[in-house]
Amino acid sequence: MDLTEENKKYIDCKSYEDLLFDWRNAPVGSPWFQGETGDYLVKLIDELRAQREAMIDTLRPVVD
């Protein structure tokens, strides 16, 4: 699916958990996970995962 401005805004307002829910529960062949839109979704999920992991790392106590 082509990545339109409307689709991008819709995706950008979703949380990491919402995106993962959509990923796991979308029907096979969903256009949301194909083409430019699918590429954008995967990129955003990866970025949000990295941010989440960085935040968790800062909260872990340092053990020497």
N, C-alpha and C. Protein backbone atom coordinates (compact mmCIF):
# COMPACT_ATOMS: atom_id res chain seq x y z
N MET A 1 0.85 -1.17 0.00
CA MET A 1 0.00 0.00 0.00
C MET A 1 0.89 1.23 0.00
N ASP A 2 0.52 2.21 -0.77
CA ASP A 2 1.26 3.48 -0.78
C ASP A 2 1.10 4.17 0.57
N LEU A 3 2.16 4.85 0.99
CA LEU A 3 2.12 5.57 2.25
C LEU A 3 1.60 6.98 2.01
N THR A 4 0.33 7.18 2.31
CA THR A 4 -0.27 8.51 2.16
C THR A 4 -0.07 9.28 3.46
N GLU A 5 -0.27 10.58 3.40
CA GLU A 5 -0.16 11.41 4.59
C GLU A 5 -1.20 10.99 5.63
N GLU A 6 -2.38 10.63 5.17
CA GLU A 6 -3.45 10.18 6.08
C GLU A 6 -3.06 8.89 6.80
N ASN A 7 -2.50 7.93 6.05
CA ASN A 7 -2.06 6.67 6.65
C ASN A 7 -0.93 6.90 7.65
N LYS A 8 0.00 7.79 7.29
CA LYS A 8 1.14 8.08 8.16
C LYS A 8 0.64 8.69 9.48
N LYS A 9 -0.29 9.62 9.42
CA LYS A 9 -0.84 10.23 10.63
C LYS A 9 -1.54 9.18 11.50
N TYR A 10 -2.28 8.29 10.86
CA TYR A 10 -2.98 7.22 11.58
C TYR A 10 -1.98 6.32 12.31
N ILE A 11 -0.91 5.96 11.62
CA ILE A 11 0.11 5.09 12.21
C ILE A 11 0.84 5.82 13.33
N ASP A 12 1.20 7.06 13.10
CA ASP A 12 2.00 7.82 14.07
C ASP A 12 1.28 8.03 15.41
N CYS A 13 -0.03 8.00 15.42
CA CYS A 13 -0.76 8.23 16.67
C CYS A 13 -0.89 6.96 17.51
N LYS A 14 -0.44 5.83 16.97
CA LYS A 14 -0.56 4.57 17.70
C LYS A 14 0.64 4.34 18.61
N SER A 15 0.38 3.66 19.72
CA SER A 15 1.45 3.30 20.64
C SER A 15 2.18 2.06 20.12
N TYR A 16 3.32 1.79 20.72
CA TYR A 16 4.09 0.60 20.38
C TYR A 16 3.23 -0.65 20.56
N GLU A 17 2.52 -0.71 21.68
CA GLU A 17 1.67 -1.88 21.95
C GLU A 17 0.54 -2.01 20.93
N ASP A 18 -0.04 -0.89 20.53
CA ASP A 18 -1.10 -0.93 19.52
C ASP A 18 -0.57 -1.43 18.17
N LEU A 19 0.62 -0.97 17.81
CA LEU A 19 1.22 -1.42 16.55
C LEU A 19 1.50 -2.92 16.59
N LEU A 20 2.01 -3.41 17.72
CA LEU A 20 2.26 -4.85 17.83
C LEU A 20 0.96 -5.64 17.79
N PHE A 21 -0.07 -5.12 18.43
CA PHE A 21 -1.37 -5.79 18.39
C PHE A 21 -1.87 -5.91 16.95
N ASP A 22 -1.78 -4.79 16.22
CA ASP A 22 -2.20 -4.80 14.82
C ASP A 22 -1.39 -5.80 14.02
N TRP A 23 -0.08 -5.82 14.24
CA TRP A 23 0.82 -6.73 13.52
C TRP A 23 0.41 -8.18 13.76
N ARG A 24 0.13 -8.50 15.00
CA ARG A 24 -0.18 -9.89 15.37
C ARG A 24 -1.58 -10.33 14.96
N ASN A 25 -2.49 -9.38 14.84
CA ASN A 25 -3.88 -9.74 14.62
C ASN A 25 -4.43 -9.36 13.24
N ALA A 26 -3.59 -8.78 12.40
CA ALA A 26 -4.04 -8.43 11.05
C ALA A 26 -4.24 -9.70 10.23
N PRO A 27 -5.21 -9.68 9.35
CA PRO A 27 -5.37 -10.84 8.48
C PRO A 27 -4.17 -11.01 7.55
N VAL A 28 -3.91 -12.24 7.18
CA VAL A 28 -2.81 -12.52 6.25
C VAL A 28 -3.02 -11.73 4.97
N GLY A 29 -1.97 -11.05 4.53
CA GLY A 29 -2.05 -10.27 3.30
C GLY A 29 -2.61 -8.87 3.47
N SER A 30 -2.75 -8.43 4.72
CA SER A 30 -3.28 -7.09 4.96
C SER A 30 -2.43 -6.04 4.24
N PRO A 31 -3.08 -5.15 3.49
CA PRO A 31 -2.31 -4.13 2.77
C PRO A 31 -1.57 -3.18 3.70
N TRP A 32 -1.98 -3.09 4.96
CA TRP A 32 -1.29 -2.22 5.93
C TRP A 32 0.14 -2.67 6.17
N PHE A 33 0.44 -3.91 5.89
CA PHE A 33 1.77 -4.45 6.15
C PHE A 33 2.51 -4.80 4.86
N GLN A 34 2.13 -4.12 3.78
CA GLN A 34 2.78 -4.33 2.49
C GLN A 34 3.18 -2.98 1.89
N GLY A 35 4.14 -3.01 1.02
CA GLY A 35 4.56 -1.80 0.30
C GLY A 35 5.15 -0.74 1.20
N GLU A 36 4.99 0.51 0.79
CA GLU A 36 5.56 1.64 1.53
C GLU A 36 4.98 1.74 2.95
N THR A 37 3.70 1.48 3.09
CA THR A 37 3.07 1.56 4.41
C THR A 37 3.63 0.48 5.33
N GLY A 38 3.78 -0.72 4.83
CA GLY A 38 4.37 -1.80 5.62
C GLY A 38 5.80 -1.50 6.01
N ASP A 39 6.57 -0.96 5.09
CA ASP A 39 7.96 -0.58 5.39
C ASP A 39 8.00 0.47 6.49
N TYR A 40 7.11 1.44 6.41
CA TYR A 40 7.06 2.50 7.43
C TYR A 40 6.67 1.92 8.79
N LEU A 41 5.69 1.04 8.81
CA LEU A 41 5.26 0.41 10.06
C LEU A 41 6.41 -0.36 10.72
N VAL A 42 7.12 -1.16 9.94
CA VAL A 42 8.23 -1.94 10.47
C VAL A 42 9.32 -1.02 11.01
N LYS A 43 9.63 0.04 10.27
CA LYS A 43 10.64 1.00 10.72
C LYS A 43 10.22 1.65 12.04
N LEU A 44 8.96 2.05 12.14
CA LEU A 44 8.47 2.68 13.36
C LEU A 44 8.48 1.70 14.53
N ILE A 45 8.06 0.48 14.32
CA ILE A 45 8.08 -0.53 15.38
C ILE A 45 9.51 -0.74 15.86
N ASP A 46 10.46 -0.84 14.94
CA ASP A 46 11.87 -1.00 15.33
C ASP A 46 12.38 0.19 16.14
N GLU A 47 12.03 1.40 15.72
CA GLU A 47 12.46 2.60 16.45
C GLU A 47 11.85 2.66 17.84
N LEU A 48 10.57 2.36 17.95
CA LEU A 48 9.91 2.38 19.25
C LEU A 48 10.46 1.30 20.16
N ARG A 49 10.79 0.13 19.61
CA ARG A 49 11.39 -0.95 20.40
C ARG A 49 12.74 -0.51 20.94
N ALA A 50 13.55 0.12 20.09
CA ALA A 50 14.87 0.59 20.52
C ALA A 50 14.74 1.65 21.62
N GLN A 51 13.79 2.57 21.49
CA GLN A 51 13.56 3.58 22.52
C GLN A 51 13.15 2.93 23.83
N ARG A 52 12.28 1.96 23.73
CA ARG A 52 11.80 1.25 24.92
C ARG A 52 12.94 0.51 25.61
N GLU A 53 13.77 -0.17 24.83
CA GLU A 53 14.90 -0.91 25.41
C GLU A 53 15.91 0.04 26.05
N ALA A 54 16.15 1.20 25.43
CA ALA A 54 17.06 2.19 26.00
C ALA A 54 16.52 2.71 27.33
N MET A 55 15.22 2.94 27.39
CA MET A 55 14.61 3.42 28.62
C MET A 55 14.73 2.37 29.73
N ILE A 56 14.49 1.12 29.38
CA ILE A 56 14.59 0.03 30.36
C ILE A 56 16.03 -0.09 30.86
N ASP A 57 16.99 0.05 29.95
CA ASP A 57 18.40 -0.04 30.35
C ASP A 57 18.77 1.05 31.35
N THR A 58 18.19 2.24 31.21
CA THR A 58 18.51 3.31 32.16
C THR A 58 17.88 3.06 33.53
N LEU A 59 16.86 2.25 33.58
CA LEU A 59 16.18 1.95 34.85
C LEU A 59 16.80 0.77 35.59
N ARG A 60 17.59 -0.05 34.89
CA ARG A 60 18.22 -1.20 35.52
C ARG A 60 19.35 -0.73 36.43
N PRO A 61 19.45 -1.32 37.60
CA PRO A 61 20.57 -0.95 38.47
C PRO A 61 21.89 -1.46 37.89
N VAL A 62 22.92 -0.70 38.08
CA VAL A 62 24.24 -1.09 37.61
C VAL A 62 24.85 -2.01 38.64
N VAL A 63 25.26 -3.20 38.21
CA VAL A 63 25.86 -4.18 39.10
C VAL A 63 27.31 -4.32 38.75
N ASP A 64 28.17 -4.11 39.74
CA ASP A 64 29.62 -4.26 39.50
C ASP A 64 30.09 -5.62 39.89
